Amino acid sequence: MAEFSYEITEELGVIAEGRGGWAKELNLVSWNGREPKYDIRDWAPGREKMGKGISLTAEELKGLRDLLNDLEL
């Protein structure tokens, strides 16, 4: 597997907490030194492990917000 680096530049919040203390979080994350993106993924306690997630630009996040606002939940 290819090496990568990341830095959480801003912690925005916890969306939900799951089993074993894992938490689904929204953060701004810089991957491999690039411009930070909004990132949604599961993190283990202490952030020693991460689950699969999705990274979005500000424009993509705005599009997601608009779609969610139109949903009837």
PDB file of N, CA and C in Angstrom:
ATOM      1  N   MET A   1       0.839  -1.170   0.000  1.00  0.00           N
ATOM      2  CA  MET A   1       0.000   0.000   0.000  1.00  0.00           C
ATOM      3  C   MET A   1       0.891   1.242   0.000  1.00  0.00           C
ATOM      4  N   ALA A   2       0.505   2.259  -0.752  1.00  0.00           N
ATOM      5  CA  ALA A   2       1.289   3.480  -0.860  1.00  0.00           C
ATOM      6  C   ALA A   2       1.276   4.254   0.453  1.00  0.00           C
ATOM      7  N   GLU A   3       2.386   4.895   0.761  1.00  0.00           N
ATOM      8  CA  GLU A   3       2.484   5.726   1.953  1.00  0.00           C
ATOM      9  C   GLU A   3       1.728   7.031   1.738  1.00  0.00           C
ATOM     10  N   PHE A   4       1.137   7.556   2.794  1.00  0.00           N
ATOM     11  CA  PHE A   4       0.463   8.840   2.718  1.00  0.00           C
ATOM     12  C   PHE A   4       0.594   9.532   4.067  1.00  0.00           C
ATOM     13  N   SER A   5       0.366  10.822   4.053  1.00  0.00           N
ATOM     14  CA  SER A   5       0.389  11.584   5.295  1.00  0.00           C
ATOM     15  C   SER A   5      -0.890  12.415   5.375  1.00  0.00           C
ATOM     16  N   TYR A   6      -1.249  12.773   6.589  1.00  0.00           N
ATOM     17  CA  TYR A   6      -2.419  13.621   6.771  1.00  0.00           C
ATOM     18  C   TYR A   6      -2.217  14.490   7.993  1.00  0.00           C
ATOM     19  N   GLU A   7      -2.897  15.621   7.989  1.00  0.00           N
ATOM     20  CA  GLU A   7      -2.908  16.507   9.146  1.00  0.00           C
ATOM     21  C   GLU A   7      -4.323  17.042   9.300  1.00  0.00           C
ATOM     22  N   ILE A   8      -4.902  16.828  10.470  1.00  0.00           N
ATOM     23  CA  ILE A   8      -6.209  17.413  10.757  1.00  0.00           C
ATOM     24  C   ILE A   8      -5.963  18.871  11.109  1.00  0.00           C
ATOM     25  N   THR A   9      -6.360  19.776  10.214  1.00  0.00           N
ATOM     26  CA  THR A   9      -6.092  21.193  10.426  1.00  0.00           C
ATOM     27  C   THR A   9      -7.171  21.876  11.243  1.00  0.00           C
ATOM     28  N   GLU A  10      -8.383  21.306  11.245  1.00  0.00           N
ATOM     29  CA  GLU A  10      -9.473  21.852  12.059  1.00  0.00           C
ATOM     30  C   GLU A  10     -10.474  20.748  12.375  1.00  0.00           C
ATOM     31  N   GLU A  11     -10.806  20.600  13.644  1.00  0.00           N
ATOM     32  CA  GLU A  11     -11.816  19.643  14.081  1.00  0.00           C
ATOM     33  C   GLU A  11     -13.163  20.355  14.079  1.00  0.00           C
ATOM     34  N   LEU A  12     -14.082  19.912  13.227  1.00  0.00           N
ATOM     35  CA  LEU A  12     -15.369  20.590  13.094  1.00  0.00           C
ATOM     36  C   LEU A  12     -16.471  19.967  13.933  1.00  0.00           C
ATOM     37  N   GLY A  13     -16.412  18.669  14.184  1.00  0.00           N
ATOM     38  CA  GLY A  13     -17.415  18.073  15.057  1.00  0.00           C
ATOM     39  C   GLY A  13     -17.602  16.588  14.857  1.00  0.00           C
ATOM     40  N   VAL A  14     -18.262  15.995  15.848  1.00  0.00           N
ATOM     41  CA  VAL A  14     -18.597  14.569  15.821  1.00  0.00           C
ATOM     42  C   VAL A  14     -20.018  14.432  15.299  1.00  0.00           C
ATOM     43  N   ILE A  15     -20.195  13.618  14.271  1.00  0.00           N
ATOM     44  CA  ILE A  15     -21.517  13.365  13.690  1.00  0.00           C
ATOM     45  C   ILE A  15     -22.241  12.296  14.496  1.00  0.00           C
ATOM     46  N   ALA A  16     -21.521  11.233  14.851  1.00  0.00           N
ATOM     47  CA  ALA A  16     -22.110  10.130  15.618  1.00  0.00           C
ATOM     48  C   ALA A  16     -20.999   9.323  16.268  1.00  0.00           C
ATOM     49  N   GLU A  17     -21.348   8.654  17.359  1.00  0.00           N
ATOM     50  CA  GLU A  17     -20.406   7.755  18.014  1.00  0.00           C
ATOM     51  C   GLU A  17     -20.907   6.333  17.855  1.00  0.00           C
ATOM     52  N   GLY A  18     -19.971   5.432  17.583  1.00  0.00           N
ATOM     53  CA  GLY A  18     -20.343   4.053  17.322  1.00  0.00           C
ATOM     54  C   GLY A  18     -19.734   3.094  18.317  1.00  0.00           C
ATOM     55  N   ARG A  19     -19.706   1.837  17.921  1.00  0.00           N
ATOM     56  CA  ARG A  19     -19.214   0.771  18.779  1.00  0.00           C
ATOM     57  C   ARG A  19     -17.728   0.942  19.090  1.00  0.00           C
ATOM     58  N   GLY A  20     -17.351   0.538  20.267  1.00  0.00           N
ATOM     59  CA  GLY A  20     -15.941   0.544  20.633  1.00  0.00           C
ATOM     60  C   GLY A  20     -15.314   1.921  20.718  1.00  0.00           C
ATOM     61  N   GLY A  21     -16.121   2.971  20.792  1.00  0.00           N
ATOM     62  CA  GLY A  21     -15.580   4.318  20.914  1.00  0.00           C
ATOM     63  C   GLY A  21     -15.244   5.002  19.608  1.00  0.00           C
ATOM     64  N   TRP A  22     -15.454   4.319  18.476  1.00  0.00           N
ATOM     65  CA  TRP A  22     -15.197   4.940  17.191  1.00  0.00           C
ATOM     66  C   TRP A  22     -16.190   6.089  16.996  1.00  0.00           C
ATOM     67  N   ALA A  23     -15.744   7.142  16.305  1.00  0.00           N
ATOM     68  CA  ALA A  23     -16.603   8.298  16.083  1.00  0.00           C
ATOM     69  C   ALA A  23     -16.542   8.717  14.615  1.00  0.00           C
ATOM     70  N   LYS A  24     -17.704   9.009  14.051  1.00  0.00           N
ATOM     71  CA  LYS A  24     -17.774   9.568  12.701  1.00  0.00           C
ATOM     72  C   LYS A  24     -17.639  11.072  12.856  1.00  0.00           C
ATOM     73  N   GLU A  25     -16.602  11.661  12.239  1.00  0.00           N
ATOM     74  CA  GLU A  25     -16.280  13.065  12.436  1.00  0.00           C
ATOM     75  C   GLU A  25     -16.238  13.830  11.120  1.00  0.00           C
ATOM     76  N   LEU A  26     -16.492  15.131  11.231  1.00  0.00           N
ATOM     77  CA  LEU A  26     -16.275  16.065  10.132  1.00  0.00           C
ATOM     78  C   LEU A  26     -15.094  16.935  10.524  1.00  0.00           C
ATOM     79  N   ASN A  27     -14.047  16.891   9.714  1.00  0.00           N
ATOM     80  CA  ASN A  27     -12.829  17.660   9.974  1.00  0.00           C
ATOM     81  C   ASN A  27     -12.323  18.265   8.674  1.00  0.00           C
ATOM     82  N   LEU A  28     -11.464  19.260   8.798  1.00  0.00           N
ATOM     83  CA  LEU A  28     -10.683  19.728   7.656  1.00  0.00           C
ATOM     84  C   LEU A  28      -9.361  18.975   7.710  1.00  0.00           C
ATOM     85  N   VAL A  29      -9.025  18.264   6.631  1.00  0.00           N
ATOM     86  CA  VAL A  29      -7.834  17.421   6.619  1.00  0.00           C
ATOM     87  C   VAL A  29      -6.999  17.735   5.385  1.00  0.00           C
ATOM     88  N   SER A  30      -5.705  17.903   5.613  1.00  0.00           N
ATOM     89  CA  SER A  30      -4.741  18.052   4.526  1.00  0.00           C
ATOM     90  C   SER A  30      -4.125  16.680   4.263  1.00  0.00           C
ATOM     91  N   TRP A  31      -4.307  16.169   3.059  1.00  0.00           N
ATOM     92  CA  TRP A  31      -3.756  14.873   2.668  1.00  0.00           C
ATOM     93  C   TRP A  31      -2.492  15.098   1.850  1.00  0.00           C
ATOM     94  N   ASN A  32      -1.392  14.485   2.270  1.00  0.00           N
ATOM     95  CA  ASN A  32      -0.110  14.571   1.556  1.00  0.00           C
ATOM     96  C   ASN A  32       0.305  16.014   1.296  1.00  0.00           C
ATOM     97  N   GLY A  33       0.055  16.894   2.273  1.00  0.00           N
ATOM     98  CA  GLY A  33       0.496  18.283   2.168  1.00  0.00           C
ATOM     99  C   GLY A  33      -0.333  19.155   1.253  1.00  0.00           C
ATOM    100  N   ARG A  34      -1.431  18.637   0.748  1.00  0.00           N
ATOM    101  CA  ARG A  34      -2.285  19.414  -0.159  1.00  0.00           C
ATOM    102  C   ARG A  34      -3.220  20.325   0.624  1.00  0.00           C
ATOM    103  N   GLU A  35      -3.949  21.148  -0.125  1.00  0.00           N
ATOM    104  CA  GLU A  35      -4.950  22.037   0.461  1.00  0.00           C
ATOM    105  C   GLU A  35      -5.958  21.211   1.256  1.00  0.00           C
ATOM    106  N   PRO A  36      -6.299  21.642   2.483  1.00  0.00           N
ATOM    107  CA  PRO A  36      -7.256  20.872   3.288  1.00  0.00           C
ATOM    108  C   PRO A  36      -8.622  20.755   2.613  1.00  0.00           C
ATOM    109  N   LYS A  37      -9.257  19.598   2.818  1.00  0.00           N
ATOM    110  CA  LYS A  37     -10.610  19.343   2.331  1.00  0.00           C
ATOM    111  C   LYS A  37     -11.474  18.935   3.519  1.00  0.00           C
ATOM    112  N   TYR A  38     -12.781  19.105   3.356  1.00  0.00           N
ATOM    113  CA  TYR A  38     -13.722  18.638   4.364  1.00  0.00           C
ATOM    114  C   TYR A  38     -13.760  17.122   4.277  1.00  0.00           C
ATOM    115  N   ASP A  39     -13.635  16.474   5.415  1.00  0.00           N
ATOM    116  CA  ASP A  39     -13.465  15.031   5.437  1.00  0.00           C
ATOM    117  C   ASP A  39     -14.432  14.409   6.444  1.00  0.00           C
ATOM    118  N   ILE A  40     -15.177  13.412   5.982  1.00  0.00           N
ATOM    119  CA  ILE A  40     -16.092  12.660   6.840  1.00  0.00           C
ATOM    120  C   ILE A  40     -15.586  11.224   6.888  1.00  0.00           C
ATOM    121  N   ARG A  41     -15.251  10.749   8.105  1.00  0.00           N
ATOM    122  CA  ARG A  41     -14.802   9.361   8.253  1.00  0.00           C
ATOM    123  C   ARG A  41     -14.868   8.946   9.713  1.00  0.00           C
ATOM    124  N   ASP A  42     -14.758   7.636   9.930  1.00  0.00           N
ATOM    125  CA  ASP A  42     -14.729   7.074  11.277  1.00  0.00           C
ATOM    126  C   ASP A  42     -13.294   7.081  11.791  1.00  0.00           C
ATOM    127  N   TRP A  43     -13.164   7.427  13.071  1.00  0.00           N
ATOM    128  CA  TRP A  43     -11.859   7.427  13.738  1.00  0.00           C
ATOM    129  C   TRP A  43     -11.956   6.591  15.011  1.00  0.00           C
ATOM    130  N   ALA A  44     -10.911   5.800  15.257  1.00  0.00           N
ATOM    131  CA  ALA A  44     -10.812   5.033  16.497  1.00  0.00           C
ATOM    132  C   ALA A  44     -10.477   5.991  17.638  1.00  0.00           C
ATOM    133  N   PRO A  45     -10.718   5.576  18.878  1.00  0.00           N
ATOM    134  CA  PRO A  45     -10.333   6.408  20.007  1.00  0.00           C
ATOM    135  C   PRO A  45      -8.842   6.771  19.913  1.00  0.00           C
ATOM    136  N   GLY A  46      -8.530   8.038  20.157  1.00  0.00           N
ATOM    137  CA  GLY A  46      -7.143   8.480  20.065  1.00  0.00           C
ATOM    138  C   GLY A  46      -6.657   8.661  18.646  1.00  0.00           C
ATOM    139  N   ARG A  47      -7.529   8.396  17.691  1.00  0.00           N
ATOM    140  CA  ARG A  47      -7.218   8.514  16.257  1.00  0.00           C
ATOM    141  C   ARG A  47      -6.023   7.660  15.821  1.00  0.00           C
ATOM    142  N   GLU A  48      -5.830   6.510  16.481  1.00  0.00           N
ATOM    143  CA  GLU A  48      -4.731   5.636  16.068  1.00  0.00           C
ATOM    144  C   GLU A  48      -5.068   4.858  14.791  1.00  0.00           C
ATOM    145  N   LYS A  49      -6.368   4.774  14.462  1.00  0.00           N
ATOM    146  CA  LYS A  49      -6.811   4.118  13.222  1.00  0.00           C
ATOM    147  C   LYS A  49      -7.933   4.946  12.624  1.00  0.00           C
ATOM    148  N   MET A  50      -8.099   4.801  11.298  1.00  0.00           N
ATOM    149  CA  MET A  50      -9.195   5.482  10.613  1.00  0.00           C
ATOM    150  C   MET A  50      -9.919   4.506   9.720  1.00  0.00           C
ATOM    151  N   GLY A  51     -11.194   4.775   9.495  1.00  0.00           N
ATOM    152  CA  GLY A  51     -11.986   3.989   8.565  1.00  0.00           C
ATOM    153  C   GLY A  51     -12.030   4.679   7.206  1.00  0.00           C
ATOM    154  N   LYS A  52     -12.738   4.054   6.280  1.00  0.00           N
ATOM    155  CA  LYS A  52     -12.918   4.674   4.973  1.00  0.00           C
ATOM    156  C   LYS A  52     -13.773   5.921   5.127  1.00  0.00           C
ATOM    157  N   GLY A  53     -13.527   6.880   4.255  1.00  0.00           N
ATOM    158  CA  GLY A  53     -14.273   8.118   4.344  1.00  0.00           C
ATOM    159  C   GLY A  53     -14.367   8.803   3.002  1.00  0.00           C
ATOM    160  N   ILE A  54     -14.792  10.046   3.060  1.00  0.00           N
ATOM    161  CA  ILE A  54     -14.939  10.848   1.858  1.00  0.00           C
ATOM    162  C   ILE A  54     -14.403  12.243   2.142  1.00  0.00           C
ATOM    163  N   SER A  55     -13.669  12.799   1.182  1.00  0.00           N
ATOM    164  CA  SER A  55     -13.149  14.158   1.284  1.00  0.00           C
ATOM    165  C   SER A  55     -13.821  15.013   0.227  1.00  0.00           C
ATOM    166  N   LEU A  56     -14.244  16.211   0.620  1.00  0.00           N
ATOM    167  CA  LEU A  56     -15.003  17.097  -0.257  1.00  0.00           C
ATOM    168  C   LEU A  56     -14.397  18.496  -0.278  1.00  0.00           C
ATOM    169  N   THR A  57     -14.424  19.130  -1.442  1.00  0.00           N
ATOM    170  CA  THR A  57     -14.055  20.537  -1.513  1.00  0.00           C
ATOM    171  C   THR A  57     -15.195  21.351  -0.913  1.00  0.00           C
ATOM    172  N   ALA A  58     -14.971  22.634  -0.711  1.00  0.00           N
ATOM    173  CA  ALA A  58     -16.025  23.507  -0.178  1.00  0.00           C
ATOM    174  C   ALA A  58     -17.237  23.501  -1.103  1.00  0.00           C
ATOM    175  N   GLU A  59     -17.015  23.535  -2.409  1.00  0.00           N
ATOM    176  CA  GLU A  59     -18.130  23.525  -3.367  1.00  0.00           C
ATOM    177  C   GLU A  59     -18.903  22.214  -3.300  1.00  0.00           C
ATOM    178  N   GLU A  60     -18.204  21.096  -3.186  1.00  0.00           N
ATOM    179  CA  GLU A  60     -18.877  19.805  -3.061  1.00  0.00           C
ATOM    180  C   GLU A  60     -19.666  19.720  -1.763  1.00  0.00           C
ATOM    181  N   LEU A  61     -19.112  20.262  -0.681  1.00  0.00           N
ATOM    182  CA  LEU A  61     -19.820  20.253   0.601  1.00  0.00           C
ATOM    183  C   LEU A  61     -21.084  21.108   0.527  1.00  0.00           C
ATOM    184  N   LYS A  62     -21.011  22.238  -0.179  1.00  0.00           N
ATOM    185  CA  LYS A  62     -22.200  23.071  -0.369  1.00  0.00           C
ATOM    186  C   LYS A  62     -23.270  22.313  -1.154  1.00  0.00           C
ATOM    187  N   GLY A  63     -22.850  21.565  -2.164  1.00  0.00           N
ATOM    188  CA  GLY A  63     -23.798  20.748  -2.928  1.00  0.00           C
ATOM    189  C   GLY A  63     -24.457  19.694  -2.064  1.00  0.00           C
ATOM    190  N   LEU A  64     -23.677  19.046  -1.206  1.00  0.00           N
ATOM    191  CA  LEU A  64     -24.223  18.056  -0.279  1.00  0.00           C
ATOM    192  C   LEU A  64     -25.198  18.718   0.689  1.00  0.00           C
ATOM    193  N   ARG A  65     -24.834  19.877   1.218  1.00  0.00           N
ATOM    194  CA  ARG A  65     -25.727  20.607   2.126  1.00  0.00           C
ATOM    195  C   ARG A  65     -27.057  20.898   1.452  1.00  0.00           C
ATOM    196  N   ASP A  66     -27.006  21.358   0.198  1.00  0.00           N
ATOM    197  CA  ASP A  66     -28.225  21.674  -0.522  1.00  0.00           C
ATOM    198  C   ASP A  66     -29.108  20.438  -0.712  1.00  0.00           C
ATOM    199  N   LEU A  67     -28.474  19.307  -1.054  1.00  0.00           N
ATOM    200  CA  LEU A  67     -29.238  18.052  -1.205  1.00  0.00           C
ATOM    201  C   LEU A  67     -29.876  17.641   0.118  1.00  0.00           C
ATOM    202  N   LEU A  68     -29.117  17.740   1.207  1.00  0.00           N
ATOM    203  CA  LEU A  68     -29.653  17.360   2.517  1.00  0.00           C
ATOM    204  C   LEU A  68     -30.790  18.280   2.951  1.00  0.00           C
ATOM    205  N   ASN A  69     -30.663  19.565   2.650  1.00  0.00           N
ATOM    206  CA  ASN A  69     -31.724  20.512   3.017  1.00  0.00           C
ATOM    207  C   ASN A  69     -33.033  20.202   2.295  1.00  0.00           C
ATOM    208  N   ASP A  70     -32.955  19.588   1.117  1.00  0.00           N
ATOM    209  CA  ASP A  70     -34.155  19.258   0.346  1.00  0.00           C
ATOM    210  C   ASP A  70     -34.805  17.945   0.783  1.00  0.00           C
ATOM    211  N   LEU A  71     -34.107  17.146   1.598  1.00  0.00           N
ATOM    212  CA  LEU A  71     -34.659  15.871   2.062  1.00  0.00           C
ATOM    213  C   LEU A  71     -35.679  16.101   3.161  1.00  0.00           C
ATOM    214  N   GLU A  72     -36.714  15.277   3.158  1.00  0.00           N
ATOM    215  CA  GLU A  72     -37.662  15.284   4.259  1.00  0.00           C
ATOM    216  C   GLU A  72     -37.308  14.122   5.171  1.00  0.00           C
ATOM    217  N   LEU A  73     -36.710  14.446   6.300  1.00  0.00           N
ATOM    218  CA  LEU A  73     -36.277  13.399   7.242  1.00  0.00           C
ATOM    219  C   LEU A  73     -37.262  13.293   8.401  1.00  0.00           C
TER     220      LEU A  73
END
